[in-house]
Structures are given as C-alpha cells and as structure tokens.
Amino acid sequence: VQLQAYGGGSVQAGGSLRLSCAASGRTTLGWFRQPLGKGREFVAASNWDGGRTYYADSVKGRFTISRDNAKNVVYLQMNSLKPEDTGDYYCVARQGNYVSDRIVDFDSWGQGTLVTVSS
C-alpha cells in the first residue's frame, strides 16, 4: 500500500485543518501523530467502508475520519484544534477490515505532514 499524506500547516487554536492521504488498496486506514520529542500516538482509524471508526479519547468530538474509496483517499477533518494537537501526522494502513489503535497493527506508513497549532 502506497500512502501520501498532505494538508498540514499552521493554524491558531480553535481553527480547523483537513488532512488528506492518497491510499490504494482495500485496507483499514488510519492516522497517528507524533508530538515533538514524544512517541507516536493513535489518532483515528476507519475500516474499508467507513462503517467502523475509532478515535483516541483526546480527539473525540473534534476530529472526523472519512474516506472516499472511489478516489482512494482518506481524510482527517480536524476542528477546534488545540496547541497539544501539534505534531507530525502520519497516514497508516493495514490489510484487512479490522480497526485497531495499535502501532504494531499498521504495516504501511506514509511520510508525515506537520500540523502546528498556536495559542
């Protein structure tokens, strides 16, 4: 699975950004992020048809993962952004239709895209 994420940028707290990731293949897709100086953490995941989604508690109600399989794209709509949302965001994929929040379950990783939220 080839992945290419884009859409990062700088925004003030309370603002919104939408990340996109071009992803080919019938897979579960998701997003992880890595704050500066910290480890990677789960953000959200979606199964093949979007019928099952899973979010980290820290982003529930603010972020939405969706996908357009006709275009082979997965999106992460981020609203009400906070400074603690700052970090590199990675698009990830795994074979199968199982939604997971574990790093080890995702075997394909794209390049990160930086999101910076200022207070």
Protein backbone atom coordinates (compact mmCIF):
# COMPACT_ATOMS: atom_id res chain seq x y z
CA VAL A 1 0.00 0.00 0.00
CA GLN A 2 1.40 3.35 -1.00
CA LEU A 3 0.49 6.33 1.13
CA GLN A 4 0.97 10.04 0.64
CA ALA A 5 -0.38 12.49 3.20
CA TYR A 6 -0.81 16.22 2.68
CA GLY A 7 -2.73 19.18 4.08
CA GLY A 8 -0.72 20.06 7.16
CA GLY A 9 0.01 23.64 8.09
CA SER A 10 -0.17 26.25 10.80
CA VAL A 11 -3.39 27.37 12.43
CA GLN A 12 -4.46 29.20 15.56
CA ALA A 13 -6.16 27.41 18.41
CA GLY A 14 -9.81 26.86 17.66
CA GLY A 15 -9.21 26.62 13.95
CA SER A 16 -9.60 23.74 11.53
CA LEU A 17 -7.49 21.77 9.09
CA ARG A 18 -8.20 18.84 6.83
CA LEU A 19 -5.56 16.26 6.12
CA SER A 20 -5.76 14.01 3.10
CA CYS A 21 -3.98 10.81 2.24
CA ALA A 22 -3.90 9.05 -1.10
CA ALA A 23 -4.11 5.35 -0.37
CA SER A 24 -4.53 2.46 -2.75
CA GLY A 25 -5.80 -0.95 -1.81
CA ARG A 26 -8.64 -2.47 0.17
CA THR A 27 -7.37 -1.76 3.65
CA THR A 28 -8.10 -0.33 7.03
CA LEU A 29 -6.73 3.23 7.12
CA GLY A 30 -5.83 5.48 9.99
CA TRP A 31 -3.86 8.37 11.36
CA PHE A 32 -1.18 8.58 14.01
CA ARG A 33 0.67 11.64 15.20
CA GLN A 34 3.96 12.40 16.87
CA PRO A 35 4.34 15.50 19.02
CA LEU A 36 7.81 16.99 19.08
CA GLY A 37 10.05 14.99 21.37
CA LYS A 38 7.42 12.36 22.07
CA GLY A 39 6.39 8.98 20.74
CA ARG A 40 3.81 8.26 18.11
CA GLU A 41 0.21 8.08 19.26
CA PHE A 42 -3.00 6.86 17.72
CA VAL A 43 -5.49 9.41 16.41
CA ALA A 44 -8.19 7.67 14.36
CA ALA A 45 -8.90 4.68 12.13
CA SER A 46 -11.56 3.55 9.67
CA ASN A 47 -12.35 0.16 8.21
CA TRP A 48 -12.76 -0.40 4.48
CA ASP A 49 -16.25 1.02 4.01
CA GLY A 50 -16.13 3.56 6.82
CA GLY A 51 -18.77 1.67 8.75
CA ARG A 52 -16.47 1.30 11.72
CA THR A 53 -14.36 4.14 13.04
CA TYR A 54 -12.31 4.52 16.17
CA TYR A 55 -10.86 7.63 17.79
CA ALA A 56 -8.43 8.47 20.54
CA ASP A 57 -10.22 9.98 23.51
CA SER A 58 -8.22 13.18 23.09
CA VAL A 59 -9.76 13.90 19.67
CA LYS A 60 -13.29 12.51 20.00
CA GLY A 61 -15.90 15.04 19.03
CA ARG A 62 -13.31 17.24 17.30
CA PHE A 63 -11.77 15.06 14.60
CA THR A 64 -13.55 13.03 11.93
CA ILE A 65 -12.02 10.36 9.74
CA SER A 66 -13.69 9.62 6.43
CA ARG A 67 -12.77 8.02 3.16
CA ASP A 68 -13.66 8.19 -0.50
CA ASN A 69 -12.82 4.77 -1.90
CA ALA A 70 -13.67 5.82 -5.43
CA LYS A 71 -10.83 8.33 -5.20
CA ASN A 72 -8.63 6.20 -2.94
CA VAL A 73 -8.41 8.98 -0.38
CA VAL A 74 -8.81 9.09 3.39
CA TYR A 75 -9.42 12.38 5.19
CA LEU A 76 -8.95 13.64 8.71
CA GLN A 77 -11.07 16.69 9.42
CA MET A 78 -9.70 18.43 12.49
CA ASN A 79 -11.83 21.06 14.21
CA SER A 80 -11.41 23.02 17.43
CA LEU A 81 -7.69 22.48 17.25
CA LYS A 82 -5.60 22.85 20.38
CA PRO A 83 -1.87 23.52 20.82
CA GLU A 84 -1.50 19.95 22.09
CA ASP A 85 -2.62 18.70 18.66
CA THR A 86 0.68 19.95 17.24
CA GLY A 87 2.86 17.28 15.68
CA ASP A 88 3.68 15.26 12.62
CA TYR A 89 0.65 13.38 11.35
CA TYR A 90 1.09 10.04 9.61
CA CYS A 91 -1.31 8.18 7.38
CA VAL A 92 -1.21 4.44 8.03
CA ALA A 93 -2.72 1.29 6.56
CA ARG A 94 -3.15 -2.36 7.33
CA GLN A 95 -4.56 -5.25 5.37
CA GLY A 96 -7.96 -6.50 6.37
CA ASN A 97 -11.05 -4.91 7.80
CA TYR A 98 -10.08 -4.75 11.47
CA VAL A 99 -9.93 -1.36 13.18
CA SER A 100 -7.08 -1.01 15.64
CA ASP A 101 -5.29 1.65 17.68
CA ARG A 102 -2.03 -0.26 17.98
CA ILE A 103 1.06 0.90 16.12
CA VAL A 104 2.17 -2.68 15.54
CA ASP A 105 -1.03 -3.48 13.61
CA PHE A 106 -0.26 -0.99 10.85
CA ASP A 107 2.45 -2.08 8.45
CA SER A 108 2.31 0.76 5.92
CA TRP A 109 3.25 4.30 6.86
CA GLY A 110 3.33 7.43 4.75
CA GLN A 111 5.53 10.47 5.19
CA GLY A 112 4.42 12.76 7.98
CA THR A 113 2.76 16.09 7.45
CA LEU A 114 3.31 18.76 10.09
CA VAL A 115 0.41 20.38 11.92
CA THR A 116 1.21 23.38 14.12
CA VAL A 117 -1.43 24.89 16.38
CA SER A 118 -0.53 28.15 18.08
CA SER A 119 -2.23 29.54 21.16
